[in-house]
Amino acid sequence: MCRYSAHVRREFERAKTENVLLSNFGLASFQIIYGVEDQIKELCFTGVDKIAYRKSNVEITWQSLLAWCVFTVNGVPPNSQIHKACNYIIRHYNELTAYMDYDMVLLDNNATELAIRALVMGKQNYLFCQNDESCHYVAVMYTFFATRKVLGINPEKWLSEIPLTPKEKLSELLPQNWIKSNPQAKV
């Protein structure tokens, strides 16, 4: 099982309000770790080359970060952000570093989180739908807007055509259909 680094990195970012010096050490470690991933992309490493490069360039950084967290966690208040971040690394070290053994595993899942953000928000909003039919319509709208976003359609231009479109031509408003006849509406 793997855990993604973006979560714990954000904890160190939040900790800046409490202790800039300690949080900066954690953030500097992640800057090195993410920098290695950038180098891997630039060098187009895959497979065993990617795994070997990760291990030779970030394993020591992870080990140092773990040792620092073990030392630091005992010297900060248990309810502090630094304690939370360090404790997360201590408890989940093996899962956080498992990506080094697999070339297809990513360091973080930020791209995925951004892609499904609307769905997660929708899930919370569905609680306020009064019945199943309303939930269905809300889900359909989220689907339209997600598709529009993926296709790069200007939302104002797309939405402005809804009141002008006769009922029998509504299928033309589906984002994948609409963009074919309105290629100039890309953002």
N, C-alpha and C. Protein backbone atom coordinates (compact mmCIF):
# COMPACT_ATOMS: atom_id res chain seq x y z
N MET A 1 0.84 -1.18 0.00
CA MET A 1 0.00 0.00 0.00
C MET A 1 0.88 1.25 0.00
N CYS A 2 0.43 2.25 -0.72
CA CYS A 2 1.18 3.51 -0.80
C CYS A 2 0.35 4.65 -0.21
N ARG A 3 1.05 5.62 0.29
CA ARG A 3 0.43 6.88 0.70
C ARG A 3 1.13 7.97 -0.09
N TYR A 4 0.39 9.03 -0.36
CA TYR A 4 0.93 10.08 -1.19
C TYR A 4 1.51 11.21 -0.35
N SER A 5 2.58 11.79 -0.85
CA SER A 5 3.35 12.78 -0.10
C SER A 5 2.71 14.15 -0.01
N ALA A 6 1.82 14.46 -0.92
CA ALA A 6 1.22 15.80 -0.93
C ALA A 6 0.51 16.10 0.39
N HIS A 7 -0.13 15.09 0.96
CA HIS A 7 -0.88 15.29 2.20
C HIS A 7 0.06 15.75 3.33
N VAL A 8 1.14 15.03 3.55
CA VAL A 8 2.04 15.38 4.64
C VAL A 8 2.80 16.66 4.33
N ARG A 9 3.09 16.91 3.05
CA ARG A 9 3.74 18.16 2.69
C ARG A 9 2.86 19.35 3.06
N ARG A 10 1.55 19.20 2.82
CA ARG A 10 0.61 20.27 3.19
C ARG A 10 0.59 20.50 4.70
N GLU A 11 0.80 19.43 5.48
CA GLU A 11 0.85 19.59 6.94
C GLU A 11 2.03 20.47 7.34
N PHE A 12 3.17 20.28 6.70
CA PHE A 12 4.33 21.13 6.98
C PHE A 12 4.06 22.56 6.54
N GLU A 13 3.34 22.73 5.45
CA GLU A 13 2.98 24.08 4.98
C GLU A 13 2.10 24.77 6.03
N ARG A 14 1.12 24.05 6.56
CA ARG A 14 0.24 24.62 7.60
C ARG A 14 1.02 24.96 8.87
N ALA A 15 2.06 24.19 9.14
CA ALA A 15 2.84 24.38 10.37
C ALA A 15 3.66 25.66 10.36
N LYS A 16 3.79 26.30 9.21
CA LYS A 16 4.56 27.55 9.13
C LYS A 16 4.01 28.61 10.07
N THR A 17 2.72 28.58 10.32
CA THR A 17 2.12 29.59 11.22
C THR A 17 2.56 29.38 12.66
N GLU A 18 2.97 28.15 12.99
CA GLU A 18 3.40 27.85 14.37
C GLU A 18 4.91 27.92 14.55
N ASN A 19 5.65 27.37 13.58
CA ASN A 19 7.10 27.29 13.73
C ASN A 19 7.73 27.25 12.34
N VAL A 20 8.16 28.40 11.88
CA VAL A 20 8.70 28.52 10.52
C VAL A 20 9.97 27.68 10.36
N LEU A 21 10.85 27.71 11.35
CA LEU A 21 12.12 27.00 11.24
C LEU A 21 11.91 25.49 11.07
N LEU A 22 11.10 24.90 11.92
CA LEU A 22 10.86 23.45 11.84
C LEU A 22 10.09 23.09 10.57
N SER A 23 9.09 23.87 10.24
CA SER A 23 8.31 23.55 9.04
C SER A 23 9.17 23.68 7.78
N ASN A 24 10.08 24.64 7.77
CA ASN A 24 10.95 24.82 6.60
C ASN A 24 11.88 23.63 6.39
N PHE A 25 12.30 22.97 7.47
CA PHE A 25 13.13 21.78 7.30
C PHE A 25 12.33 20.69 6.58
N GLY A 26 11.11 20.47 7.03
CA GLY A 26 10.26 19.48 6.37
C GLY A 26 10.00 19.84 4.92
N LEU A 27 9.70 21.11 4.67
CA LEU A 27 9.42 21.56 3.30
C LEU A 27 10.66 21.46 2.41
N ALA A 28 11.84 21.75 2.97
CA ALA A 28 13.08 21.63 2.19
C ALA A 28 13.32 20.18 1.79
N SER A 29 13.00 19.26 2.68
CA SER A 29 13.14 17.83 2.36
C SER A 29 12.23 17.47 1.20
N PHE A 30 11.00 17.95 1.24
CA PHE A 30 10.07 17.64 0.16
C PHE A 30 10.46 18.34 -1.14
N GLN A 31 11.12 19.49 -1.04
CA GLN A 31 11.60 20.16 -2.25
C GLN A 31 12.64 19.28 -2.95
N ILE A 32 13.50 18.64 -2.18
CA ILE A 32 14.49 17.72 -2.75
C ILE A 32 13.79 16.52 -3.37
N ILE A 33 12.85 15.95 -2.65
CA ILE A 33 12.13 14.75 -3.11
C ILE A 33 11.37 15.05 -4.41
N TYR A 34 10.64 16.16 -4.44
CA TYR A 34 9.89 16.52 -5.65
C TYR A 34 10.85 16.90 -6.79
N GLY A 35 11.99 17.50 -6.43
CA GLY A 35 12.98 17.85 -7.44
C GLY A 35 13.52 16.62 -8.17
N VAL A 36 13.70 15.54 -7.44
CA VAL A 36 14.16 14.29 -8.07
C VAL A 36 13.10 13.78 -9.05
N GLU A 37 11.83 13.88 -8.68
CA GLU A 37 10.76 13.45 -9.60
C GLU A 37 10.77 14.31 -10.87
N ASP A 38 11.05 15.60 -10.72
CA ASP A 38 11.15 16.48 -11.90
C ASP A 38 12.32 16.05 -12.78
N GLN A 39 13.45 15.70 -12.16
CA GLN A 39 14.61 15.23 -12.92
C GLN A 39 14.29 13.94 -13.68
N ILE A 40 13.55 13.04 -13.03
CA ILE A 40 13.17 11.78 -13.67
C ILE A 40 12.34 12.06 -14.92
N LYS A 41 11.43 13.02 -14.84
CA LYS A 41 10.62 13.39 -16.01
C LYS A 41 11.50 13.96 -17.12
N GLU A 42 12.40 14.87 -16.73
CA GLU A 42 13.29 15.51 -17.72
C GLU A 42 14.18 14.48 -18.41
N LEU A 43 14.64 13.49 -17.65
CA LEU A 43 15.54 12.47 -18.19
C LEU A 43 14.79 11.32 -18.86
N CYS A 44 13.45 11.37 -18.78
CA CYS A 44 12.59 10.35 -19.39
C CYS A 44 12.89 8.94 -18.88
N PHE A 45 13.22 8.84 -17.60
CA PHE A 45 13.48 7.52 -17.02
C PHE A 45 12.19 6.76 -16.81
N THR A 46 12.23 5.47 -17.07
CA THR A 46 11.10 4.57 -16.79
C THR A 46 11.67 3.26 -16.26
N GLY A 47 10.77 2.41 -15.77
CA GLY A 47 11.16 1.07 -15.34
C GLY A 47 12.25 1.05 -14.30
N VAL A 48 13.21 0.14 -14.48
CA VAL A 48 14.27 -0.04 -13.49
C VAL A 48 15.17 1.19 -13.37
N ASP A 49 15.31 1.95 -14.45
CA ASP A 49 16.12 3.17 -14.39
C ASP A 49 15.47 4.20 -13.45
N LYS A 50 14.17 4.31 -13.53
CA LYS A 50 13.43 5.23 -12.67
C LYS A 50 13.55 4.81 -11.21
N ILE A 51 13.38 3.53 -10.95
CA ILE A 51 13.48 3.01 -9.58
C ILE A 51 14.89 3.24 -9.03
N ALA A 52 15.91 2.92 -9.81
CA ALA A 52 17.29 3.08 -9.37
C ALA A 52 17.61 4.55 -9.10
N TYR A 53 17.12 5.44 -9.97
CA TYR A 53 17.38 6.87 -9.80
C TYR A 53 16.71 7.39 -8.53
N ARG A 54 15.48 6.97 -8.31
CA ARG A 54 14.78 7.37 -7.08
C ARG A 54 15.56 6.93 -5.85
N LYS A 55 15.92 5.66 -5.82
CA LYS A 55 16.59 5.12 -4.64
C LYS A 55 17.93 5.80 -4.40
N SER A 56 18.69 6.03 -5.45
CA SER A 56 20.01 6.63 -5.26
C SER A 56 19.94 8.12 -4.95
N ASN A 57 18.82 8.77 -5.24
CA ASN A 57 18.75 10.22 -5.05
C ASN A 57 17.82 10.69 -3.94
N VAL A 58 16.86 9.87 -3.53
CA VAL A 58 15.95 10.36 -2.47
C VAL A 58 15.86 9.46 -1.25
N GLU A 59 16.36 8.26 -1.33
CA GLU A 59 16.24 7.36 -0.17
C GLU A 59 16.89 7.97 1.07
N ILE A 60 18.07 8.56 0.91
CA ILE A 60 18.77 9.18 2.04
C ILE A 60 17.99 10.38 2.58
N THR A 61 17.33 11.12 1.69
CA THR A 61 16.52 12.26 2.12
C THR A 61 15.35 11.78 2.97
N TRP A 62 14.68 10.72 2.52
CA TRP A 62 13.58 10.15 3.30
C TRP A 62 14.06 9.65 4.66
N GLN A 63 15.22 8.97 4.69
CA GLN A 63 15.74 8.44 5.95
C GLN A 63 16.09 9.58 6.90
N SER A 64 16.68 10.63 6.37
CA SER A 64 17.02 11.81 7.19
C SER A 64 15.76 12.48 7.72
N LEU A 65 14.75 12.58 6.87
CA LEU A 65 13.48 13.19 7.29
C LEU A 65 12.84 12.37 8.40
N LEU A 66 12.86 11.05 8.27
CA LEU A 66 12.30 10.19 9.31
C LEU A 66 13.06 10.37 10.63
N ALA A 67 14.38 10.35 10.58
CA ALA A 67 15.19 10.52 11.79
C ALA A 67 14.91 11.87 12.44
N TRP A 68 14.81 12.92 11.61
CA TRP A 68 14.51 14.25 12.13
C TRP A 68 13.13 14.28 12.78
N CYS A 69 12.16 13.62 12.16
CA CYS A 69 10.80 13.58 12.72
C CYS A 69 10.77 12.85 14.06
N VAL A 70 11.49 11.75 14.16
CA VAL A 70 11.54 10.99 15.43
C VAL A 70 12.13 11.88 16.53
N PHE A 71 13.16 12.63 16.20
CA PHE A 71 13.77 13.54 17.17
C PHE A 71 12.83 14.70 17.49
N THR A 72 12.24 15.30 16.48
CA THR A 72 11.43 16.52 16.63
C THR A 72 10.12 16.27 17.35
N VAL A 73 9.47 15.15 17.07
CA VAL A 73 8.14 14.89 17.61
C VAL A 73 8.13 14.90 19.15
N ASN A 74 9.26 14.57 19.75
CA ASN A 74 9.33 14.56 21.22
C ASN A 74 9.55 15.94 21.82
N GLY A 75 9.89 16.92 20.99
CA GLY A 75 10.17 18.25 21.50
C GLY A 75 9.14 19.31 21.17
N VAL A 76 8.02 18.90 20.58
CA VAL A 76 6.98 19.86 20.24
C VAL A 76 5.67 19.43 20.90
N PRO A 77 4.76 20.37 21.13
CA PRO A 77 3.48 20.01 21.74
C PRO A 77 2.71 19.00 20.89
N PRO A 78 2.05 18.03 21.53
CA PRO A 78 1.34 16.98 20.79
C PRO A 78 0.20 17.49 19.91
N ASN A 79 -0.32 18.66 20.19
CA ASN A 79 -1.43 19.19 19.37
C ASN A 79 -0.94 20.16 18.29
N SER A 80 0.37 20.26 18.10
CA SER A 80 0.91 21.19 17.10
C SER A 80 0.89 20.57 15.70
N GLN A 81 0.94 21.43 14.70
CA GLN A 81 0.97 20.98 13.31
C GLN A 81 2.25 20.20 13.01
N ILE A 82 3.37 20.65 13.57
CA ILE A 82 4.65 19.95 13.35
C ILE A 82 4.55 18.53 13.91
N HIS A 83 3.98 18.39 15.08
CA HIS A 83 3.81 17.06 15.68
C HIS A 83 2.94 16.20 14.76
N LYS A 84 1.87 16.79 14.26
CA LYS A 84 0.96 16.06 13.37
C LYS A 84 1.70 15.59 12.11
N ALA A 85 2.47 16.49 11.50
CA ALA A 85 3.20 16.14 10.27
C ALA A 85 4.26 15.09 10.54
N CYS A 86 5.04 15.29 11.59
CA CYS A 86 6.10 14.33 11.92
C CYS A 86 5.53 12.97 12.29
N ASN A 87 4.49 12.98 13.08
CA ASN A 87 3.86 11.73 13.49
C ASN A 87 3.30 10.97 12.28
N TYR A 88 2.77 11.69 11.32
CA TYR A 88 2.26 11.06 10.10
C TYR A 88 3.39 10.35 9.36
N ILE A 89 4.54 11.00 9.26
CA ILE A 89 5.68 10.38 8.58
C ILE A 89 6.16 9.16 9.35
N ILE A 90 6.24 9.27 10.67
CA ILE A 90 6.68 8.13 11.49
C ILE A 90 5.73 6.95 11.33
N ARG A 91 4.44 7.20 11.41
CA ARG A 91 3.45 6.11 11.35
C ARG A 91 3.33 5.50 9.95
N HIS A 92 3.55 6.31 8.92
CA HIS A 92 3.30 5.85 7.55
C HIS A 92 4.55 5.86 6.67
N TYR A 93 5.70 5.80 7.28
CA TYR A 93 6.96 5.89 6.52
C TYR A 93 7.04 4.86 5.40
N ASN A 94 6.75 3.61 5.71
CA ASN A 94 6.85 2.56 4.68
C ASN A 94 5.91 2.81 3.52
N GLU A 95 4.69 3.28 3.81
CA GLU A 95 3.72 3.55 2.75
C GLU A 95 4.11 4.79 1.95
N LEU A 96 4.69 5.79 2.62
CA LEU A 96 5.11 7.01 1.93
C LEU A 96 6.30 6.76 1.00
N THR A 97 7.15 5.82 1.36
CA THR A 97 8.35 5.57 0.56
C THR A 97 8.20 4.38 -0.38
N ALA A 98 7.07 3.71 -0.36
CA ALA A 98 6.86 2.53 -1.22
C ALA A 98 6.94 2.89 -2.70
N TYR A 99 6.64 4.13 -3.06
CA TYR A 99 6.67 4.53 -4.47
C TYR A 99 8.06 4.34 -5.08
N MET A 100 9.10 4.34 -4.23
CA MET A 100 10.46 4.19 -4.75
C MET A 100 10.70 2.81 -5.37
N ASP A 101 9.90 1.83 -4.99
CA ASP A 101 10.07 0.46 -5.49
C ASP A 101 9.27 0.15 -6.75
N TYR A 102 8.43 1.09 -7.17
CA TYR A 102 7.53 0.83 -8.31
C TYR A 102 7.57 2.02 -9.26
N ASP A 103 7.92 1.77 -10.50
CA ASP A 103 8.05 2.89 -11.43
C ASP A 103 6.71 3.51 -11.80
N MET A 104 5.61 2.76 -11.71
CA MET A 104 4.30 3.28 -12.11
C MET A 104 3.58 4.03 -10.98
N VAL A 105 4.12 3.98 -9.77
CA VAL A 105 3.48 4.65 -8.63
C VAL A 105 4.01 6.08 -8.56
N LEU A 106 3.09 7.01 -8.36
CA LEU A 106 3.45 8.43 -8.31
C LEU A 106 3.77 8.87 -6.89
N LEU A 107 4.54 9.93 -6.78
CA LEU A 107 4.88 10.51 -5.49
C LEU A 107 3.64 11.09 -4.81
N ASP A 108 2.76 11.69 -5.59
CA ASP A 108 1.51 12.21 -5.05
C ASP A 108 0.38 12.03 -6.05
N ASN A 109 -0.80 12.33 -5.61
CA ASN A 109 -1.98 12.17 -6.48
C ASN A 109 -2.72 13.49 -6.66
N ASN A 110 -1.98 14.60 -6.69
CA ASN A 110 -2.62 15.92 -6.83
C ASN A 110 -3.46 16.03 -8.09
N ALA A 111 -2.97 15.50 -9.20
CA ALA A 111 -3.72 15.60 -10.46
C ALA A 111 -5.06 14.88 -10.35
N THR A 112 -5.06 13.73 -9.72
CA THR A 112 -6.30 12.98 -9.54
C THR A 112 -7.25 13.73 -8.61
N GLU A 113 -6.70 14.27 -7.52
CA GLU A 113 -7.55 15.01 -6.59
C GLU A 113 -8.22 16.20 -7.27
N LEU A 114 -7.47 16.91 -8.10
CA LEU A 114 -8.05 18.04 -8.83
C LEU A 114 -9.12 17.58 -9.80
N ALA A 115 -8.87 16.46 -10.45
CA ALA A 115 -9.83 15.96 -11.45
C ALA A 115 -11.16 15.57 -10.82
N ILE A 116 -11.13 15.04 -9.61
CA ILE A 116 -12.38 14.56 -9.00
C ILE A 116 -12.95 15.53 -7.97
N ARG A 117 -12.34 16.71 -7.84
CA ARG A 117 -12.81 17.67 -6.84
C ARG A 117 -14.31 17.98 -6.97
N ALA A 118 -14.76 18.19 -8.19
CA ALA A 118 -16.19 18.51 -8.40
C ALA A 118 -17.07 17.34 -7.96
N LEU A 119 -16.61 16.13 -8.21
CA LEU A 119 -17.40 14.97 -7.79
C LEU A 119 -17.50 14.89 -6.27
N VAL A 120 -16.39 15.18 -5.60
CA VAL A 120 -16.39 15.16 -4.14
C VAL A 120 -17.31 16.25 -3.61
N MET A 121 -17.22 17.43 -4.20
CA MET A 121 -18.11 18.52 -3.78
C MET A 121 -19.56 18.14 -4.06
N GLY A 122 -19.79 17.52 -5.21
CA GLY A 122 -21.14 17.09 -5.55
C GLY A 122 -21.68 16.10 -4.55
N LYS A 123 -20.84 15.19 -4.11
CA LYS A 123 -21.27 14.18 -3.14
C LYS A 123 -21.80 14.86 -1.88
N GLN A 124 -21.15 15.94 -1.45
CA GLN A 124 -21.62 16.67 -0.28
C GLN A 124 -22.91 17.42 -0.58
N ASN A 125 -23.02 17.95 -1.79
CA ASN A 125 -24.22 18.70 -2.16
C ASN A 125 -25.43 17.80 -2.36
N TYR A 126 -25.21 16.55 -2.75
CA TYR A 126 -26.34 15.64 -2.97
C TYR A 126 -27.13 15.41 -1.68
N LEU A 127 -26.50 15.64 -0.56
CA LEU A 127 -27.20 15.47 0.72
C LEU A 127 -28.41 16.40 0.83
N PHE A 128 -28.36 17.51 0.10
CA PHE A 128 -29.41 18.51 0.20
C PHE A 128 -30.46 18.39 -0.90
N CYS A 129 -30.32 17.40 -1.76
CA CYS A 129 -31.35 17.16 -2.76
C CYS A 129 -32.57 16.57 -2.05
N GLN A 130 -33.73 16.96 -2.49
CA GLN A 130 -34.93 16.53 -1.78
C GLN A 130 -35.41 15.14 -2.16
N ASN A 131 -34.96 14.64 -3.32
CA ASN A 131 -35.38 13.30 -3.72
C ASN A 131 -34.38 12.74 -4.73
N ASP A 132 -34.57 11.49 -5.11
CA ASP A 132 -33.65 10.83 -6.03
C ASP A 132 -33.60 11.51 -7.39
N GLU A 133 -34.75 11.99 -7.84
CA GLU A 133 -34.80 12.65 -9.15
C GLU A 133 -33.94 13.91 -9.15
N SER A 134 -34.03 14.69 -8.08
CA SER A 134 -33.20 15.90 -7.96
C SER A 134 -31.72 15.55 -7.96
N CYS A 135 -31.36 14.49 -7.24
CA CYS A 135 -29.96 14.04 -7.22
C CYS A 135 -29.49 13.69 -8.62
N HIS A 136 -30.35 13.03 -9.37
CA HIS A 136 -30.01 12.65 -10.74
C HIS A 136 -29.71 13.89 -11.58
N TYR A 137 -30.56 14.91 -11.49
CA TYR A 137 -30.35 16.13 -12.28
C TYR A 137 -29.07 16.86 -11.87
N VAL A 138 -28.80 16.88 -10.58
CA VAL A 138 -27.56 17.52 -10.11
C VAL A 138 -26.35 16.77 -10.65
N ALA A 139 -26.40 15.44 -10.60
CA ALA A 139 -25.29 14.62 -11.11
C ALA A 139 -25.08 14.85 -12.60
N VAL A 140 -26.18 14.97 -13.34
CA VAL A 140 -26.09 15.22 -14.78
C VAL A 140 -25.40 16.57 -15.03
N MET A 141 -25.78 17.58 -14.27
CA MET A 141 -25.16 18.90 -14.44
C MET A 141 -23.67 18.86 -14.13
N TYR A 142 -23.29 18.17 -13.04
CA TYR A 142 -21.86 18.03 -12.73
C TYR A 142 -21.12 17.34 -13.87
N THR A 143 -21.76 16.35 -14.46
CA THR A 143 -21.15 15.64 -15.58
C THR A 143 -20.94 16.58 -16.77
N PHE A 144 -21.96 17.39 -17.08
CA PHE A 144 -21.83 18.35 -18.17
C PHE A 144 -20.67 19.31 -17.91
N PHE A 145 -20.61 19.85 -16.70
CA PHE A 145 -19.58 20.83 -16.39
C PHE A 145 -18.19 20.21 -16.36
N ALA A 146 -18.07 18.98 -15.88
CA ALA A 146 -16.77 18.30 -15.89
C ALA A 146 -16.32 18.04 -17.32
N THR A 147 -17.25 17.61 -18.17
CA THR A 147 -16.92 17.35 -19.58
C THR A 147 -16.52 18.65 -20.27
N ARG A 148 -17.27 19.72 -19.99
CA ARG A 148 -16.95 21.02 -20.56
C ARG A 148 -15.54 21.43 -20.17
N LYS A 149 -15.18 21.21 -18.92
CA LYS A 149 -13.85 21.59 -18.45
C LYS A 149 -12.76 20.79 -19.14
N VAL A 150 -12.96 19.48 -19.26
CA VAL A 150 -11.98 18.62 -19.93
C VAL A 150 -11.79 19.04 -21.38
N LEU A 151 -12.87 19.40 -22.05
CA LEU A 151 -12.80 19.79 -23.46
C LEU A 151 -12.32 21.23 -23.66
N GLY A 152 -12.17 21.98 -22.56
CA GLY A 152 -11.67 23.35 -22.66
C GLY A 152 -12.67 24.33 -23.23
N ILE A 153 -13.95 24.12 -22.96
CA ILE A 153 -15.00 24.99 -23.50
C ILE A 153 -15.20 26.18 -22.58
N ASN A 154 -15.31 27.36 -23.19
CA ASN A 154 -15.62 28.58 -22.45
C ASN A 154 -17.02 28.43 -21.86
N PRO A 155 -17.17 28.43 -20.53
CA PRO A 155 -18.48 28.18 -19.93
C PRO A 155 -19.52 29.25 -20.25
N GLU A 156 -19.10 30.50 -20.36
CA GLU A 156 -20.06 31.57 -20.65
C GLU A 156 -20.68 31.40 -22.04
N LYS A 157 -19.84 31.10 -23.01
CA LYS A 157 -20.35 30.92 -24.38
C LYS A 157 -21.28 29.71 -24.46
N TRP A 158 -20.87 28.65 -23.80
CA TRP A 158 -21.67 27.42 -23.82
C TRP A 158 -23.02 27.63 -23.13
N LEU A 159 -23.01 28.21 -21.93
CA LEU A 159 -24.25 28.42 -21.18
C LEU A 159 -25.17 29.44 -21.84
N SER A 160 -24.60 30.41 -22.55
CA SER A 160 -25.44 31.44 -23.18
C SER A 160 -26.32 30.87 -24.29
N GLU A 161 -25.98 29.71 -24.80
CA GLU A 161 -26.79 29.10 -25.87
C GLU A 161 -27.95 28.26 -25.34
N ILE A 162 -27.95 27.94 -24.09
CA ILE A 162 -29.01 27.08 -23.54
C ILE A 162 -30.40 27.68 -23.75
N PRO A 163 -30.63 28.95 -23.38
CA PRO A 163 -31.98 29.49 -23.56
C PRO A 163 -32.38 29.65 -25.03
N LEU A 164 -31.40 29.67 -25.93
CA LEU A 164 -31.68 29.87 -27.35
C LEU A 164 -31.91 28.56 -28.11
N THR A 165 -31.70 27.44 -27.45
CA THR A 165 -31.76 26.15 -28.13
C THR A 165 -33.13 25.51 -27.96
N PRO A 166 -33.78 25.15 -29.06
CA PRO A 166 -35.09 24.48 -28.96
C PRO A 166 -34.93 23.10 -28.32
N LYS A 167 -35.99 22.64 -27.70
CA LYS A 167 -35.98 21.39 -26.95
C LYS A 167 -35.51 20.21 -27.80
N GLU A 168 -35.94 20.16 -29.05
CA GLU A 168 -35.58 19.02 -29.91
C GLU A 168 -34.10 19.02 -30.32
N LYS A 169 -33.39 20.10 -30.04
CA LYS A 169 -31.97 20.18 -30.40
C LYS A 169 -31.07 20.21 -29.16
N LEU A 170 -31.60 19.83 -28.01
CA LEU A 170 -30.81 19.89 -26.78
C LEU A 170 -29.57 19.00 -26.82
N SER A 171 -29.63 17.90 -27.57
CA SER A 171 -28.46 17.02 -27.65
C SER A 171 -27.26 17.74 -28.26
N GLU A 172 -27.52 18.78 -29.03
CA GLU A 172 -26.43 19.57 -29.62
C GLU A 172 -25.66 20.35 -28.55
N LEU A 173 -26.28 20.52 -27.37
CA LEU A 173 -25.62 21.24 -26.29
C LEU A 173 -24.70 20.35 -25.45
N LEU A 174 -24.75 19.04 -25.67
CA LEU A 174 -23.80 18.18 -24.97
C LEU A 174 -22.40 18.68 -25.31
N PRO A 175 -21.55 18.87 -24.32
CA PRO A 175 -20.25 19.50 -24.59
C PRO A 175 -19.48 18.88 -25.74
N GLN A 176 -19.47 17.55 -25.82
CA GLN A 176 -18.71 16.88 -26.89
C GLN A 176 -19.32 17.15 -28.27
N ASN A 177 -20.62 17.44 -28.34
CA ASN A 177 -21.27 17.80 -29.61
C ASN A 177 -21.13 19.29 -29.89
N TRP A 178 -21.30 20.08 -28.87
CA TRP A 178 -21.30 21.54 -29.02
C TRP A 178 -19.95 22.05 -29.51
N ILE A 179 -18.86 21.50 -29.00
CA ILE A 179 -17.54 22.00 -29.36
C ILE A 179 -17.23 21.77 -30.84
N LYS A 180 -17.83 20.74 -31.43
CA LYS A 180 -17.60 20.46 -32.86
C LYS A 180 -18.10 21.60 -33.74
N SER A 181 -19.24 22.18 -33.36
CA SER A 181 -19.79 23.28 -34.16
C SER A 181 -19.36 24.65 -33.64
N ASN A 182 -18.62 24.69 -32.52
CA ASN A 182 -18.16 25.95 -31.95
C ASN A 182 -16.69 25.86 -31.52
N PRO A 183 -15.78 25.50 -32.41
CA PRO A 183 -14.38 25.32 -32.02
C PRO A 183 -13.72 26.61 -31.51
N GLN A 184 -14.27 27.75 -31.90
CA GLN A 184 -13.73 29.04 -31.45
C GLN A 184 -14.00 29.30 -29.97
N ALA A 185 -14.83 28.48 -29.34
CA ALA A 185 -15.22 28.70 -27.94
C ALA A 185 -14.28 28.03 -26.94
N LYS A 186 -13.15 27.58 -27.40
CA LYS A 186 -12.18 26.97 -26.47
C LYS A 186 -11.51 28.06 -25.65
N VAL A 187 -11.21 27.72 -24.41
CA VAL A 187 -10.51 28.67 -23.55
C VAL A 187 -9.02 28.42 -23.57
